[in-house]
Amino acid sequence: MAKIVLFVPYFGPFPKHMPLWVRSCAANPQIDWVLLTDQDAPPRMPPNMRYVRMSFEDIKKRFSARLGFEVCLDRPYKIVDYKPAYGYLFADMVSGYDIWGYCDVDVIFGDILAFFPEDLFNRYQKIQDLGHLAFYRNDEEVNTLFMEKCPGVSYYREVFTDSLIY
């Protein structure tokens, strides 16, 4: 079984349904979850959830230091542009995992791996194409792929230094 970690940066007050989201994470014990937030830990956090207290300014400093240039994170929603880079930006937290990914707290999960069988993780480098849930193979090529220039696509330095949401 692949070792999987999903990142969930969330800044500002949690939504009212947060306890339901936490329960849905608990119902997927084969996946580890990392909640990075400026809020107090949600009650009844399951053993497969890691709480990391971090201010929005802290995450901006972390990203800037890792990338080697000042990033634009002027509001929490802008963090969506950084999702494909989490394997690189959180390299210290993906160590030891086969798969890393991200999700949003507005999705209440059922049995995730019933929909994503093990062989999918062996065959593909990325699973899912939208921002609310995605999985990436944890290797250097995949974790740095966001840095590659691609015709017709904004270069990561432009995206990460602009206040627009890409």
N, C-alpha and C. Protein backbone atom coordinates (compact mmCIF):
# COMPACT_ATOMS: atom_id res chain seq x y z
N MET A 1 0.83 -1.19 0.00
CA MET A 1 0.00 0.00 0.00
C MET A 1 0.88 1.25 0.00
N ALA A 2 0.59 2.16 -0.89
CA ALA A 2 1.33 3.41 -0.98
C ALA A 2 1.09 4.25 0.27
N LYS A 3 2.15 4.92 0.74
CA LYS A 3 2.02 5.87 1.84
C LYS A 3 1.64 7.22 1.25
N ILE A 4 0.53 7.79 1.72
CA ILE A 4 -0.04 9.00 1.14
C ILE A 4 -0.18 10.09 2.21
N VAL A 5 0.18 11.32 1.82
CA VAL A 5 -0.03 12.48 2.68
C VAL A 5 -0.73 13.56 1.86
N LEU A 6 -1.74 14.19 2.47
CA LEU A 6 -2.46 15.28 1.83
C LEU A 6 -2.29 16.55 2.66
N PHE A 7 -2.00 17.65 1.98
CA PHE A 7 -1.79 18.94 2.63
C PHE A 7 -3.05 19.80 2.54
N VAL A 8 -3.32 20.48 3.65
CA VAL A 8 -4.49 21.34 3.74
C VAL A 8 -4.10 22.64 4.44
N PRO A 9 -3.57 23.61 3.70
CA PRO A 9 -3.35 24.92 4.31
C PRO A 9 -4.69 25.65 4.41
N TYR A 10 -4.98 26.18 5.59
CA TYR A 10 -6.25 26.89 5.77
C TYR A 10 -6.02 28.05 6.74
N PHE A 11 -6.32 29.25 6.29
CA PHE A 11 -6.07 30.45 7.09
C PHE A 11 -7.37 31.22 7.27
N GLY A 12 -7.61 31.62 8.49
CA GLY A 12 -8.86 32.29 8.84
C GLY A 12 -9.77 31.32 9.56
N PRO A 13 -10.91 31.81 10.04
CA PRO A 13 -11.82 30.96 10.82
C PRO A 13 -12.27 29.74 10.02
N PHE A 14 -12.32 28.60 10.70
CA PHE A 14 -12.78 27.37 10.06
C PHE A 14 -14.27 27.48 9.73
N PRO A 15 -14.70 26.79 8.68
CA PRO A 15 -16.14 26.76 8.38
C PRO A 15 -16.89 25.95 9.44
N LYS A 16 -18.19 26.16 9.52
CA LYS A 16 -19.02 25.47 10.51
C LYS A 16 -18.97 23.95 10.35
N HIS A 17 -18.77 23.48 9.14
CA HIS A 17 -18.75 22.04 8.89
C HIS A 17 -17.39 21.39 9.16
N MET A 18 -16.44 22.11 9.72
CA MET A 18 -15.10 21.58 9.94
C MET A 18 -15.10 20.25 10.72
N PRO A 19 -15.91 20.10 11.76
CA PRO A 19 -15.93 18.80 12.45
C PRO A 19 -16.31 17.63 11.53
N LEU A 20 -17.19 17.88 10.58
CA LEU A 20 -17.55 16.82 9.61
C LEU A 20 -16.39 16.50 8.70
N TRP A 21 -15.68 17.53 8.27
CA TRP A 21 -14.51 17.30 7.42
C TRP A 21 -13.46 16.48 8.17
N VAL A 22 -13.21 16.83 9.41
CA VAL A 22 -12.23 16.09 10.22
C VAL A 22 -12.67 14.63 10.37
N ARG A 23 -13.95 14.39 10.60
CA ARG A 23 -14.45 13.01 10.69
C ARG A 23 -14.24 12.25 9.39
N SER A 24 -14.41 12.94 8.26
CA SER A 24 -14.22 12.26 6.97
C SER A 24 -12.75 11.91 6.75
N CYS A 25 -11.84 12.71 7.30
CA CYS A 25 -10.42 12.39 7.24
C CYS A 25 -10.12 11.17 8.12
N ALA A 26 -10.74 11.15 9.29
CA ALA A 26 -10.56 10.02 10.21
C ALA A 26 -11.04 8.72 9.58
N ALA A 27 -12.04 8.81 8.71
CA ALA A 27 -12.59 7.62 8.05
C ALA A 27 -11.67 7.09 6.95
N ASN A 28 -10.55 7.78 6.74
CA ASN A 28 -9.55 7.36 5.75
C ASN A 28 -8.20 7.20 6.47
N PRO A 29 -8.08 6.22 7.38
CA PRO A 29 -6.88 6.10 8.21
C PRO A 29 -5.62 5.73 7.43
N GLN A 30 -5.77 5.27 6.21
CA GLN A 30 -4.60 4.92 5.40
C GLN A 30 -3.97 6.14 4.74
N ILE A 31 -4.58 7.32 4.94
CA ILE A 31 -4.05 8.58 4.41
C ILE A 31 -3.68 9.47 5.60
N ASP A 32 -2.51 10.11 5.52
CA ASP A 32 -2.12 11.09 6.53
C ASP A 32 -2.51 12.47 6.01
N TRP A 33 -2.91 13.33 6.92
CA TRP A 33 -3.37 14.67 6.59
C TRP A 33 -2.52 15.67 7.36
N VAL A 34 -2.09 16.74 6.70
CA VAL A 34 -1.35 17.81 7.37
C VAL A 34 -2.17 19.09 7.24
N LEU A 35 -2.68 19.53 8.39
CA LEU A 35 -3.48 20.76 8.44
C LEU A 35 -2.57 21.88 8.91
N LEU A 36 -2.27 22.82 8.00
CA LEU A 36 -1.45 24.00 8.32
C LEU A 36 -2.41 25.17 8.47
N THR A 37 -2.42 25.78 9.64
CA THR A 37 -3.43 26.81 9.89
C THR A 37 -3.00 27.78 10.97
N ASP A 38 -3.64 28.93 10.96
CA ASP A 38 -3.42 29.91 12.02
C ASP A 38 -4.47 29.80 13.11
N GLN A 39 -5.34 28.80 13.02
CA GLN A 39 -6.40 28.57 13.98
C GLN A 39 -5.99 27.52 15.01
N ASP A 40 -6.73 27.46 16.12
CA ASP A 40 -6.51 26.38 17.08
C ASP A 40 -6.87 25.06 16.42
N ALA A 41 -6.28 23.99 16.92
CA ALA A 41 -6.56 22.66 16.36
C ALA A 41 -8.04 22.34 16.50
N PRO A 42 -8.61 21.72 15.47
CA PRO A 42 -10.01 21.33 15.59
C PRO A 42 -10.16 20.26 16.68
N PRO A 43 -11.31 20.21 17.32
CA PRO A 43 -11.51 19.18 18.35
C PRO A 43 -11.56 17.79 17.73
N ARG A 44 -11.19 16.82 18.52
CA ARG A 44 -11.24 15.39 18.14
C ARG A 44 -10.48 15.09 16.86
N MET A 45 -9.26 15.63 16.78
CA MET A 45 -8.42 15.32 15.62
C MET A 45 -8.03 13.85 15.65
N PRO A 46 -8.13 13.17 14.52
CA PRO A 46 -7.77 11.75 14.47
C PRO A 46 -6.25 11.55 14.46
N PRO A 47 -5.79 10.34 14.75
CA PRO A 47 -4.34 10.09 14.79
C PRO A 47 -3.65 10.23 13.43
N ASN A 48 -4.41 10.18 12.34
CA ASN A 48 -3.81 10.33 11.01
C ASN A 48 -3.77 11.79 10.55
N MET A 49 -4.06 12.73 11.46
CA MET A 49 -4.02 14.15 11.11
C MET A 49 -2.95 14.86 11.93
N ARG A 50 -2.09 15.58 11.23
CA ARG A 50 -1.04 16.37 11.87
C ARG A 50 -1.44 17.84 11.81
N TYR A 51 -1.42 18.47 12.95
CA TYR A 51 -1.76 19.89 13.06
C TYR A 51 -0.47 20.69 13.12
N VAL A 52 -0.33 21.67 12.22
CA VAL A 52 0.84 22.55 12.21
C VAL A 52 0.34 23.98 12.33
N ARG A 53 0.61 24.58 13.48
CA ARG A 53 0.21 25.98 13.69
C ARG A 53 1.18 26.86 12.92
N MET A 54 0.66 27.64 12.00
CA MET A 54 1.48 28.46 11.12
C MET A 54 0.67 29.66 10.69
N SER A 55 1.25 30.84 10.82
CA SER A 55 0.56 32.04 10.35
C SER A 55 0.66 32.12 8.83
N PHE A 56 -0.19 32.94 8.26
CA PHE A 56 -0.13 33.15 6.82
C PHE A 56 1.22 33.77 6.44
N GLU A 57 1.73 34.65 7.28
CA GLU A 57 3.04 35.26 7.04
C GLU A 57 4.14 34.19 7.10
N ASP A 58 4.01 33.22 8.01
CA ASP A 58 4.98 32.13 8.12
C ASP A 58 5.05 31.30 6.83
N ILE A 59 3.88 31.02 6.26
CA ILE A 59 3.87 30.20 5.04
C ILE A 59 4.46 30.99 3.88
N LYS A 60 4.20 32.29 3.85
CA LYS A 60 4.78 33.15 2.81
C LYS A 60 6.31 33.15 2.93
N LYS A 61 6.82 33.27 4.15
CA LYS A 61 8.27 33.23 4.37
C LYS A 61 8.86 31.88 3.99
N ARG A 62 8.15 30.80 4.34
CA ARG A 62 8.61 29.45 4.00
C ARG A 62 8.73 29.28 2.48
N PHE A 63 7.69 29.68 1.77
CA PHE A 63 7.69 29.54 0.31
C PHE A 63 8.79 30.40 -0.31
N SER A 64 8.94 31.63 0.14
CA SER A 64 9.97 32.53 -0.39
C SER A 64 11.36 31.95 -0.15
N ALA A 65 11.61 31.45 1.05
CA ALA A 65 12.92 30.89 1.37
C ALA A 65 13.22 29.67 0.52
N ARG A 66 12.24 28.81 0.34
CA ARG A 66 12.45 27.57 -0.43
C ARG A 66 12.67 27.87 -1.91
N LEU A 67 11.95 28.85 -2.44
CA LEU A 67 12.04 29.17 -3.86
C LEU A 67 13.21 30.11 -4.18
N GLY A 68 13.69 30.84 -3.19
CA GLY A 68 14.82 31.74 -3.41
C GLY A 68 14.43 33.10 -3.95
N PHE A 69 13.16 33.44 -3.89
CA PHE A 69 12.70 34.77 -4.28
C PHE A 69 11.43 35.09 -3.49
N GLU A 70 11.12 36.38 -3.39
CA GLU A 70 9.95 36.84 -2.65
C GLU A 70 8.68 36.47 -3.41
N VAL A 71 7.82 35.67 -2.79
CA VAL A 71 6.57 35.28 -3.44
C VAL A 71 5.47 36.27 -3.10
N CYS A 72 4.46 36.30 -3.93
CA CYS A 72 3.29 37.12 -3.66
C CYS A 72 2.22 36.23 -3.06
N LEU A 73 1.99 36.43 -1.80
CA LEU A 73 0.87 35.80 -1.10
C LEU A 73 0.21 36.93 -0.32
N ASP A 74 -0.65 37.66 -1.01
CA ASP A 74 -1.27 38.83 -0.40
C ASP A 74 -2.63 38.55 0.21
N ARG A 75 -3.16 37.35 -0.02
CA ARG A 75 -4.42 36.92 0.57
C ARG A 75 -4.45 35.39 0.56
N PRO A 76 -5.14 34.78 1.51
CA PRO A 76 -5.12 33.32 1.62
C PRO A 76 -5.55 32.57 0.36
N TYR A 77 -6.51 33.10 -0.39
CA TYR A 77 -6.96 32.36 -1.58
C TYR A 77 -5.84 32.19 -2.61
N LYS A 78 -4.87 33.07 -2.63
CA LYS A 78 -3.76 32.99 -3.60
C LYS A 78 -2.97 31.70 -3.45
N ILE A 79 -3.06 31.05 -2.30
CA ILE A 79 -2.30 29.82 -2.07
C ILE A 79 -2.69 28.72 -3.07
N VAL A 80 -3.86 28.85 -3.71
CA VAL A 80 -4.26 27.84 -4.69
C VAL A 80 -3.24 27.71 -5.82
N ASP A 81 -2.58 28.80 -6.16
CA ASP A 81 -1.59 28.76 -7.24
C ASP A 81 -0.36 27.95 -6.89
N TYR A 82 -0.13 27.70 -5.62
CA TYR A 82 1.07 27.00 -5.17
C TYR A 82 0.85 25.50 -5.00
N LYS A 83 -0.38 25.03 -5.13
CA LYS A 83 -0.69 23.62 -4.89
C LYS A 83 0.21 22.65 -5.66
N PRO A 84 0.45 22.85 -6.95
CA PRO A 84 1.30 21.89 -7.67
C PRO A 84 2.75 21.87 -7.18
N ALA A 85 3.13 22.83 -6.38
CA ALA A 85 4.51 22.91 -5.88
C ALA A 85 4.65 22.38 -4.45
N TYR A 86 3.58 21.89 -3.85
CA TYR A 86 3.65 21.44 -2.45
C TYR A 86 4.72 20.38 -2.22
N GLY A 87 4.90 19.48 -3.16
CA GLY A 87 5.93 18.44 -2.99
C GLY A 87 7.32 19.04 -2.81
N TYR A 88 7.55 20.16 -3.44
CA TYR A 88 8.82 20.89 -3.34
C TYR A 88 8.82 21.80 -2.11
N LEU A 89 7.73 22.54 -1.93
CA LEU A 89 7.66 23.51 -0.85
C LEU A 89 7.59 22.87 0.54
N PHE A 90 7.03 21.68 0.61
CA PHE A 90 6.95 20.94 1.87
C PHE A 90 7.81 19.68 1.81
N ALA A 91 8.97 19.79 1.17
CA ALA A 91 9.85 18.63 0.98
C ALA A 91 10.14 17.91 2.30
N ASP A 92 10.31 18.66 3.37
CA ASP A 92 10.60 18.05 4.67
C ASP A 92 9.42 17.23 5.18
N MET A 93 8.21 17.54 4.73
CA MET A 93 7.02 16.82 5.21
C MET A 93 6.59 15.69 4.29
N VAL A 94 7.10 15.64 3.05
CA VAL A 94 6.74 14.55 2.14
C VAL A 94 7.75 13.40 2.20
N SER A 95 8.85 13.62 2.89
CA SER A 95 9.86 12.58 3.02
C SER A 95 9.23 11.33 3.64
N GLY A 96 9.49 10.19 3.02
CA GLY A 96 8.95 8.92 3.52
C GLY A 96 7.60 8.54 2.94
N TYR A 97 7.02 9.42 2.13
CA TYR A 97 5.74 9.12 1.49
C TYR A 97 5.95 8.78 0.02
N ASP A 98 5.09 7.92 -0.51
CA ASP A 98 5.11 7.58 -1.94
C ASP A 98 4.31 8.59 -2.75
N ILE A 99 3.27 9.11 -2.13
CA ILE A 99 2.32 10.00 -2.80
C ILE A 99 2.06 11.19 -1.88
N TRP A 100 2.02 12.38 -2.48
CA TRP A 100 1.58 13.57 -1.75
C TRP A 100 0.46 14.20 -2.55
N GLY A 101 -0.28 15.04 -1.90
CA GLY A 101 -1.36 15.72 -2.60
C GLY A 101 -1.94 16.81 -1.75
N TYR A 102 -3.10 17.25 -2.15
CA TYR A 102 -3.79 18.31 -1.43
C TYR A 102 -5.28 18.14 -1.59
N CYS A 103 -6.00 18.79 -0.71
CA CYS A 103 -7.46 18.78 -0.79
C CYS A 103 -7.98 20.05 -0.13
N ASP A 104 -9.26 20.25 -0.25
CA ASP A 104 -9.92 21.40 0.34
C ASP A 104 -10.85 20.93 1.46
N VAL A 105 -11.15 21.82 2.38
CA VAL A 105 -12.02 21.46 3.50
C VAL A 105 -13.51 21.53 3.13
N ASP A 106 -13.82 21.92 1.91
CA ASP A 106 -15.22 21.95 1.50
C ASP A 106 -15.65 20.64 0.85
N VAL A 107 -14.81 19.61 0.94
CA VAL A 107 -15.14 18.29 0.42
C VAL A 107 -15.21 17.33 1.60
N ILE A 108 -16.35 16.70 1.78
CA ILE A 108 -16.52 15.68 2.81
C ILE A 108 -16.28 14.34 2.12
N PHE A 109 -15.29 13.60 2.61
CA PHE A 109 -14.83 12.39 1.92
C PHE A 109 -15.53 11.14 2.40
N GLY A 110 -15.74 10.24 1.46
CA GLY A 110 -16.10 8.86 1.77
C GLY A 110 -14.80 8.06 1.78
N ASP A 111 -14.87 6.83 1.35
CA ASP A 111 -13.69 5.95 1.30
C ASP A 111 -12.89 6.30 0.04
N ILE A 112 -11.92 7.17 0.19
CA ILE A 112 -11.16 7.70 -0.94
C ILE A 112 -10.52 6.60 -1.77
N LEU A 113 -9.86 5.66 -1.11
CA LEU A 113 -9.11 4.65 -1.86
C LEU A 113 -10.00 3.61 -2.54
N ALA A 114 -11.28 3.62 -2.26
CA ALA A 114 -12.21 2.78 -3.01
C ALA A 114 -12.34 3.31 -4.44
N PHE A 115 -12.08 4.61 -4.61
CA PHE A 115 -12.17 5.23 -5.93
C PHE A 115 -10.82 5.35 -6.62
N PHE A 116 -9.76 5.19 -5.86
CA PHE A 116 -8.40 5.31 -6.39
C PHE A 116 -7.61 4.06 -6.01
N PRO A 117 -7.78 2.99 -6.78
CA PRO A 117 -7.08 1.75 -6.44
C PRO A 117 -5.56 1.90 -6.54
N GLU A 118 -4.86 1.05 -5.82
CA GLU A 118 -3.40 1.09 -5.72
C GLU A 118 -2.72 1.16 -7.09
N ASP A 119 -3.23 0.42 -8.07
CA ASP A 119 -2.55 0.40 -9.37
C ASP A 119 -2.54 1.77 -10.05
N LEU A 120 -3.50 2.63 -9.75
CA LEU A 120 -3.48 3.99 -10.32
C LEU A 120 -2.24 4.75 -9.86
N PHE A 121 -1.91 4.61 -8.59
CA PHE A 121 -0.74 5.31 -8.04
C PHE A 121 0.55 4.77 -8.65
N ASN A 122 0.54 3.53 -9.07
CA ASN A 122 1.72 2.94 -9.71
C ASN A 122 1.85 3.34 -11.17
N ARG A 123 0.72 3.64 -11.83
CA ARG A 123 0.74 3.93 -13.27
C ARG A 123 0.89 5.41 -13.62
N TYR A 124 0.47 6.29 -12.72
CA TYR A 124 0.43 7.70 -13.08
C TYR A 124 1.24 8.56 -12.12
N GLN A 125 1.74 9.68 -12.65
CA GLN A 125 2.47 10.63 -11.82
C GLN A 125 1.54 11.59 -11.11
N LYS A 126 0.38 11.84 -11.71
CA LYS A 126 -0.62 12.73 -11.10
C LYS A 126 -2.00 12.13 -11.35
N ILE A 127 -2.82 12.20 -10.30
CA ILE A 127 -4.19 11.73 -10.41
C ILE A 127 -5.10 12.87 -9.98
N GLN A 128 -6.07 13.18 -10.82
CA GLN A 128 -7.03 14.27 -10.67
C GLN A 128 -6.44 15.55 -11.24
N ASP A 129 -7.29 16.34 -11.84
CA ASP A 129 -6.78 17.57 -12.47
C ASP A 129 -7.35 18.85 -11.88
N LEU A 130 -8.27 18.75 -10.94
CA LEU A 130 -8.83 19.94 -10.33
C LEU A 130 -8.24 20.14 -8.94
N GLY A 131 -8.43 21.34 -8.40
CA GLY A 131 -7.77 21.72 -7.17
C GLY A 131 -8.33 21.19 -5.88
N HIS A 132 -9.53 20.61 -5.88
CA HIS A 132 -10.13 20.21 -4.61
C HIS A 132 -9.58 18.88 -4.08
N LEU A 133 -8.95 18.07 -4.92
CA LEU A 133 -8.30 16.83 -4.50
C LEU A 133 -7.38 16.37 -5.63
N ALA A 134 -6.12 16.18 -5.32
CA ALA A 134 -5.17 15.69 -6.31
C ALA A 134 -4.06 14.92 -5.62
N PHE A 135 -3.49 13.97 -6.34
CA PHE A 135 -2.39 13.14 -5.84
C PHE A 135 -1.22 13.21 -6.81
N TYR A 136 0.00 13.26 -6.28
CA TYR A 136 1.21 13.31 -7.08
C TYR A 136 2.19 12.25 -6.59
N ARG A 137 2.91 11.63 -7.51
CA ARG A 137 3.98 10.73 -7.11
C ARG A 137 5.08 11.57 -6.45
N ASN A 138 5.62 11.07 -5.36
CA ASN A 138 6.65 11.80 -4.63
C ASN A 138 8.03 11.42 -5.15
N ASP A 139 8.45 12.12 -6.18
CA ASP A 139 9.83 11.97 -6.65
C ASP A 139 10.30 13.32 -7.19
N GLU A 140 11.59 13.46 -7.32
CA GLU A 140 12.18 14.76 -7.68
C GLU A 140 11.63 15.31 -9.00
N GLU A 141 11.48 14.45 -9.99
CA GLU A 141 10.98 14.91 -11.29
C GLU A 141 9.58 15.53 -11.16
N VAL A 142 8.69 14.84 -10.48
CA VAL A 142 7.32 15.33 -10.31
C VAL A 142 7.30 16.56 -9.40
N ASN A 143 8.08 16.53 -8.33
CA ASN A 143 8.05 17.62 -7.35
C ASN A 143 8.62 18.93 -7.89
N THR A 144 9.39 18.86 -8.96
CA THR A 144 9.95 20.08 -9.56
C THR A 144 9.37 20.37 -10.95
N LEU A 145 8.41 19.60 -11.37
CA LEU A 145 7.83 19.77 -12.70
C LEU A 145 7.20 21.15 -12.88
N PHE A 146 6.68 21.74 -11.81
CA PHE A 146 6.07 23.07 -11.91
C PHE A 146 7.07 24.13 -12.38
N MET A 147 8.37 23.84 -12.27
CA MET A 147 9.41 24.79 -12.67
C MET A 147 9.71 24.76 -14.17
N GLU A 148 9.22 23.76 -14.86
CA GLU A 148 9.50 23.62 -16.29
C GLU A 148 8.71 24.65 -17.09
N LYS A 149 9.36 25.18 -18.12
CA LYS A 149 8.67 26.09 -19.03
C LYS A 149 7.81 25.26 -19.98
N CYS A 150 6.62 25.77 -20.22
CA CYS A 150 5.67 25.08 -21.08
C CYS A 150 5.00 26.11 -21.98
N PRO A 151 5.05 25.91 -23.29
CA PRO A 151 4.44 26.88 -24.21
C PRO A 151 2.96 27.09 -23.89
N GLY A 152 2.57 28.35 -23.84
CA GLY A 152 1.17 28.69 -23.60
C GLY A 152 0.75 28.69 -22.14
N VAL A 153 1.70 28.41 -21.24
CA VAL A 153 1.39 28.37 -19.81
C VAL A 153 2.28 29.38 -19.09
N SER A 154 1.72 30.12 -18.17
CA SER A 154 2.50 31.10 -17.42
C SER A 154 3.61 30.40 -16.64
N TYR A 155 4.80 30.97 -16.67
CA TYR A 155 5.94 30.43 -15.96
C TYR A 155 5.74 30.61 -14.46
N TYR A 156 6.18 29.65 -13.67
CA TYR A 156 5.91 29.65 -12.24
C TYR A 156 6.38 30.92 -11.54
N ARG A 157 7.52 31.50 -11.95
CA ARG A 157 7.99 32.73 -11.31
C ARG A 157 7.00 33.87 -11.52
N GLU A 158 6.40 33.93 -12.68
CA GLU A 158 5.38 34.95 -12.94
C GLU A 158 4.17 34.72 -12.05
N VAL A 159 3.72 33.48 -11.97
CA VAL A 159 2.53 33.13 -11.16
C VAL A 159 2.78 33.43 -9.69
N PHE A 160 3.99 33.06 -9.21
CA PHE A 160 4.30 33.16 -7.78
C PHE A 160 4.67 34.58 -7.35
N THR A 161 4.84 35.50 -8.29
CA THR A 161 5.19 36.88 -7.93
C THR A 161 4.08 37.87 -8.32
N ASP A 162 2.98 37.38 -8.83
CA ASP A 162 1.87 38.21 -9.27
C ASP A 162 0.69 38.03 -8.30
N SER A 163 -0.05 39.06 -8.07
CA SER A 163 -1.20 38.96 -7.15
C SER A 163 -2.43 38.33 -7.81
N LEU A 164 -2.42 38.20 -9.13
CA LEU A 164 -3.55 37.55 -9.82
C LEU A 164 -3.62 36.08 -9.45
N ILE A 165 -4.82 35.52 -9.48
CA ILE A 165 -5.02 34.09 -9.28
C ILE A 165 -4.97 33.43 -10.66
N TYR A 166 -4.05 32.50 -10.81
CA TYR A 166 -3.90 31.82 -12.09
C TYR A 166 -4.66 30.51 -12.11
